[in-house]
């Protein structure tokens, strides 16, 4: 029991050290050596708990989205009647927190330039898009679904790289309205209906208090 408790504490130290370093130094400059030094553990021990630096990144995103899920469940779940609306509300909080903080933005941009969010978010986001199919009774084969999912990740990546070079041209919430409209349109859903859903998501987002939710650790 004591050993497992110590293991959990060690893993938590590595995780929190990573979040701190990602926040203050960005993705590229945060090395496993720096993480080990801040967590006060041997660098070789990190791979015992995490397969790679990107595994830590994946967990950070998963935990972050989980906190937003909890907020939505507690605050406005009874006003949400479909997966597209739910995902849009979540995305509005998600991107507002990330893109309104320069350090969060630096990390997000740095990771996106070196990698693809597809590598760490494929499973998490795929589950949310599968809910689209269920709620709107969309019949699509697995291959076409994967094509749409990968097209979405690719479009988002290129869009955000453009956004980071021209941040004053579009507001954060307009970013969400655009990006969250891509997959519904690829699924050939009615555009007016999607526009109405995205508009409703903005009004629900405005009712939420997410001041206590953080992405990385400052």
Protein backbone atom coordinates (compact mmCIF):
# COMPACT_ATOMS: atom_id res chain seq x y z
CA UNK A 1 0.00 0.00 0.00
CA UNK A 2 2.79 2.40 0.96
CA UNK A 3 4.61 1.56 -2.27
CA UNK A 4 1.56 2.25 -4.44
CA UNK A 5 0.94 5.51 -2.60
CA UNK A 6 4.54 6.55 -3.21
CA UNK A 7 4.16 5.63 -6.87
CA UNK A 8 1.02 7.76 -7.22
CA UNK A 9 2.78 10.66 -5.53
CA UNK A 10 5.78 10.31 -7.85
CA UNK A 11 3.59 10.20 -10.93
CA UNK A 12 1.69 13.26 -9.71
CA UNK A 13 4.95 15.15 -9.15
CA UNK A 14 6.11 14.37 -12.68
CA UNK A 15 2.74 15.41 -14.08
CA UNK A 16 2.59 18.70 -12.18
CA UNK A 17 6.22 19.49 -12.98
CA UNK A 18 5.44 18.96 -16.66
CA UNK A 19 2.44 21.30 -16.54
CA UNK A 20 4.52 23.98 -14.83
CA UNK A 21 7.37 23.71 -17.33
CA UNK A 22 5.06 23.58 -20.35
CA UNK A 23 3.43 26.77 -19.09
CA UNK A 24 6.66 28.66 -18.46
CA UNK A 25 8.90 27.31 -21.24
CA UNK A 26 6.60 25.92 -23.92
CA UNK A 27 6.53 22.50 -25.55
CA UNK A 28 9.92 22.39 -27.29
CA UNK A 29 12.03 23.72 -24.43
CA UNK A 30 10.46 21.42 -21.86
CA UNK A 31 12.70 18.36 -21.92
CA UNK A 32 12.46 15.14 -19.94
CA UNK A 33 15.63 16.21 -18.13
CA UNK A 34 14.02 19.48 -17.02
CA UNK A 35 10.91 17.60 -15.92
CA UNK A 36 13.00 15.16 -13.88
CA UNK A 37 14.91 17.98 -12.20
CA UNK A 38 11.77 19.86 -11.22
CA UNK A 39 10.00 16.69 -10.06
CA UNK A 40 13.18 15.58 -8.26
CA UNK A 41 13.18 12.12 -9.81
CA UNK A 42 15.71 10.27 -12.00
CA UNK A 43 15.07 11.04 -15.66
CA UNK A 44 14.81 7.32 -16.43
CA UNK A 45 11.91 6.99 -14.00
CA UNK A 46 9.65 9.20 -16.12
CA UNK A 47 9.26 6.49 -18.77
CA UNK A 48 7.99 4.11 -16.07
CA UNK A 49 4.93 6.33 -15.59
CA UNK A 50 4.64 7.98 -19.00
CA UNK A 51 5.54 6.49 -22.38
CA UNK A 52 6.81 9.82 -23.69
CA UNK A 53 6.53 13.58 -23.34
CA UNK A 54 3.55 13.43 -25.69
CA UNK A 55 1.86 10.91 -23.38
CA UNK A 56 1.98 13.58 -20.68
CA UNK A 57 0.54 16.10 -23.14
CA UNK A 58 -2.30 13.70 -23.94
CA UNK A 59 -3.13 13.34 -20.24
CA UNK A 60 -3.11 17.11 -19.78
CA UNK A 61 -5.65 17.54 -22.57
CA UNK A 62 -7.79 14.69 -21.26
CA UNK A 63 -7.86 16.09 -17.72
CA UNK A 64 -8.53 19.60 -19.01
CA UNK A 65 -11.50 18.48 -21.08
CA UNK A 66 -12.73 16.40 -18.16
CA UNK A 67 -12.90 19.49 -15.96
CA UNK A 68 -14.90 21.31 -18.61
CA UNK A 69 -17.18 18.28 -18.93
CA UNK A 70 -17.81 18.45 -15.18
CA UNK A 71 -18.64 22.16 -15.42
CA UNK A 72 -21.13 21.58 -18.24
CA UNK A 73 -22.74 18.66 -16.42
CA UNK A 74 -23.21 20.79 -13.32
CA UNK A 75 -24.27 24.01 -15.03
CA UNK A 76 -26.19 23.57 -18.27
CA UNK A 77 -26.47 19.91 -19.27
CA UNK A 78 -30.28 20.07 -19.12
CA UNK A 79 -30.22 22.78 -21.82
CA UNK A 80 -28.17 20.69 -24.23
CA UNK A 81 -30.01 18.26 -26.48
CA UNK A 82 -27.37 17.11 -28.97
CA UNK A 83 -23.67 16.28 -29.23
CA UNK A 84 -22.81 19.13 -31.59
CA UNK A 85 -24.16 21.68 -29.13
CA UNK A 86 -22.36 20.01 -26.23
CA UNK A 87 -19.06 19.91 -28.08
CA UNK A 88 -19.41 23.54 -29.15
CA UNK A 89 -19.99 24.71 -25.57
CA UNK A 90 -17.00 22.68 -24.41
CA UNK A 91 -14.86 24.08 -27.24
CA UNK A 92 -15.77 27.66 -26.38
CA UNK A 93 -14.53 27.24 -22.81
CA UNK A 94 -11.53 25.18 -23.95
CA UNK A 95 -10.23 27.71 -26.46
CA UNK A 96 -11.07 30.74 -24.34
CA UNK A 97 -8.86 29.39 -21.56
CA UNK A 98 -6.02 28.41 -23.89
CA UNK A 99 -5.99 31.36 -26.28
CA UNK A 100 -6.59 34.13 -23.73
CA UNK A 101 -3.37 33.26 -21.85
CA UNK A 102 -0.07 33.99 -23.67
CA UNK A 103 1.76 31.08 -22.02
CA UNK A 104 -1.00 28.60 -22.77
CA UNK A 105 -1.06 29.91 -26.33
CA UNK A 106 2.72 29.53 -26.69
CA UNK A 107 2.51 25.89 -25.61
CA UNK A 108 -0.46 25.16 -27.87
CA UNK A 109 1.18 26.83 -30.84
CA UNK A 110 4.54 25.18 -30.20
CA UNK A 111 3.02 21.73 -30.02
CA UNK A 112 0.92 22.32 -33.11
CA UNK A 113 3.94 23.47 -35.12
CA UNK A 114 6.03 20.42 -34.20
CA UNK A 115 3.34 17.79 -34.00
CA UNK A 116 -0.31 17.29 -34.83
CA UNK A 117 -3.05 17.27 -32.24
CA UNK A 118 -4.29 14.22 -34.11
CA UNK A 119 -1.57 12.18 -32.40
CA UNK A 120 -2.72 12.97 -28.87
CA UNK A 121 -6.41 13.78 -29.32
CA UNK A 122 -7.54 11.30 -31.98
CA UNK A 123 -9.34 8.98 -29.57
CA UNK A 124 -10.75 11.74 -27.36
CA UNK A 125 -12.18 13.78 -30.23
CA UNK A 126 -13.21 10.74 -32.22
CA UNK A 127 -15.58 9.71 -29.43
CA UNK A 128 -17.24 13.12 -29.50
CA UNK A 129 -17.73 12.98 -33.26
CA UNK A 130 -19.19 9.47 -33.00
CA UNK A 131 -21.84 11.03 -30.76
CA UNK A 132 -22.69 13.39 -33.65
CA UNK A 133 -23.51 10.36 -35.79
CA UNK A 134 -25.76 8.88 -33.12
CA UNK A 135 -27.65 12.07 -32.29
CA UNK A 136 -28.28 13.00 -35.92
CA UNK A 137 -28.82 9.45 -37.18
CA UNK A 138 -25.97 9.68 -39.69
CA UNK A 139 -24.97 6.49 -41.47
CA UNK A 140 -21.32 6.44 -42.47
CA UNK A 141 -18.73 3.69 -42.78
CA UNK A 142 -15.57 3.55 -40.67
CA UNK A 143 -13.28 4.58 -43.51
CA UNK A 144 -15.27 7.71 -44.35
CA UNK A 145 -15.48 8.60 -40.67
CA UNK A 146 -11.68 8.39 -40.35
CA UNK A 147 -11.26 10.51 -43.47
CA UNK A 148 -13.53 13.20 -42.02
CA UNK A 149 -11.79 13.04 -38.64
CA UNK A 150 -8.35 13.44 -40.21
CA UNK A 151 -9.58 16.19 -42.53
CA UNK A 152 -10.86 18.05 -39.48
CA UNK A 153 -7.54 17.75 -37.64
CA UNK A 154 -5.68 18.91 -40.76
CA UNK A 155 -7.98 21.86 -41.35
CA UNK A 156 -7.81 22.91 -37.70
CA UNK A 157 -4.02 22.73 -37.68
CA UNK A 158 -3.65 24.92 -40.76
CA UNK A 159 -6.32 27.32 -39.55
CA UNK A 160 -4.67 27.77 -36.16
CA UNK A 161 -1.23 28.27 -37.64
CA UNK A 162 -2.78 31.07 -39.71
CA UNK A 163 -4.61 32.42 -36.65
CA UNK A 164 -1.41 32.61 -34.60
CA UNK A 165 0.17 34.78 -37.30
CA UNK A 166 -2.94 37.01 -37.51
CA UNK A 167 -4.47 36.99 -33.99
CA UNK A 168 -6.13 40.37 -34.36
CA UNK A 169 -8.17 39.37 -37.40
CA UNK A 170 -10.59 37.05 -35.60
CA UNK A 171 -11.89 36.72 -32.05
CA UNK A 172 -11.45 33.55 -30.01
CA UNK A 173 -15.15 32.78 -30.09
CA UNK A 174 -15.29 33.33 -33.85
CA UNK A 175 -12.48 30.79 -34.11
CA UNK A 176 -14.69 28.24 -32.34
CA UNK A 177 -17.72 29.07 -34.46
CA UNK A 178 -15.68 28.40 -37.59
CA UNK A 179 -13.76 25.30 -36.50
CA UNK A 180 -16.70 23.56 -34.84
CA UNK A 181 -18.74 24.02 -38.00
CA UNK A 182 -16.32 22.03 -40.15
CA UNK A 183 -17.29 18.45 -39.27
CA UNK A 184 -21.07 19.03 -39.29
CA UNK A 185 -20.73 20.44 -42.80
CA UNK A 186 -18.53 17.56 -43.91
CA UNK A 187 -21.31 15.31 -42.62
CA UNK A 188 -23.68 17.28 -44.89
CA UNK A 189 -25.93 18.51 -42.10
CA UNK A 190 -28.22 21.47 -42.73
CA UNK A 191 -26.18 24.65 -42.54
CA UNK A 192 -28.92 26.82 -41.05
CA UNK A 193 -29.45 24.25 -38.31
CA UNK A 194 -25.73 24.12 -37.55
CA UNK A 195 -25.53 27.92 -37.45
CA UNK A 196 -28.41 27.97 -34.95
CA UNK A 197 -26.72 25.34 -32.78
CA UNK A 198 -23.44 27.24 -32.76
CA UNK A 199 -25.28 30.46 -31.88
CA UNK A 200 -27.00 28.71 -28.96
CA UNK A 201 -23.65 27.32 -27.80
CA UNK A 202 -22.32 30.86 -27.51
CA UNK A 203 -25.21 31.95 -25.31
CA UNK A 204 -24.76 28.90 -23.06
CA UNK A 205 -21.02 29.52 -22.89
CA UNK A 206 -21.68 33.08 -21.68
CA UNK A 207 -23.55 31.71 -18.65
CA UNK A 208 -20.63 29.59 -17.44
CA UNK A 209 -18.15 30.49 -14.72
CA UNK A 210 -14.88 28.72 -15.52
CA UNK A 211 -12.46 30.96 -13.67
CA UNK A 212 -11.16 28.05 -11.57
CA UNK A 213 -10.36 25.80 -14.55
CA UNK A 214 -6.76 25.93 -15.73
CA UNK A 215 -4.98 24.27 -18.64
CA UNK A 216 -1.37 24.33 -17.48
CA UNK A 217 0.13 25.36 -14.12
CA UNK A 218 1.49 28.85 -13.56
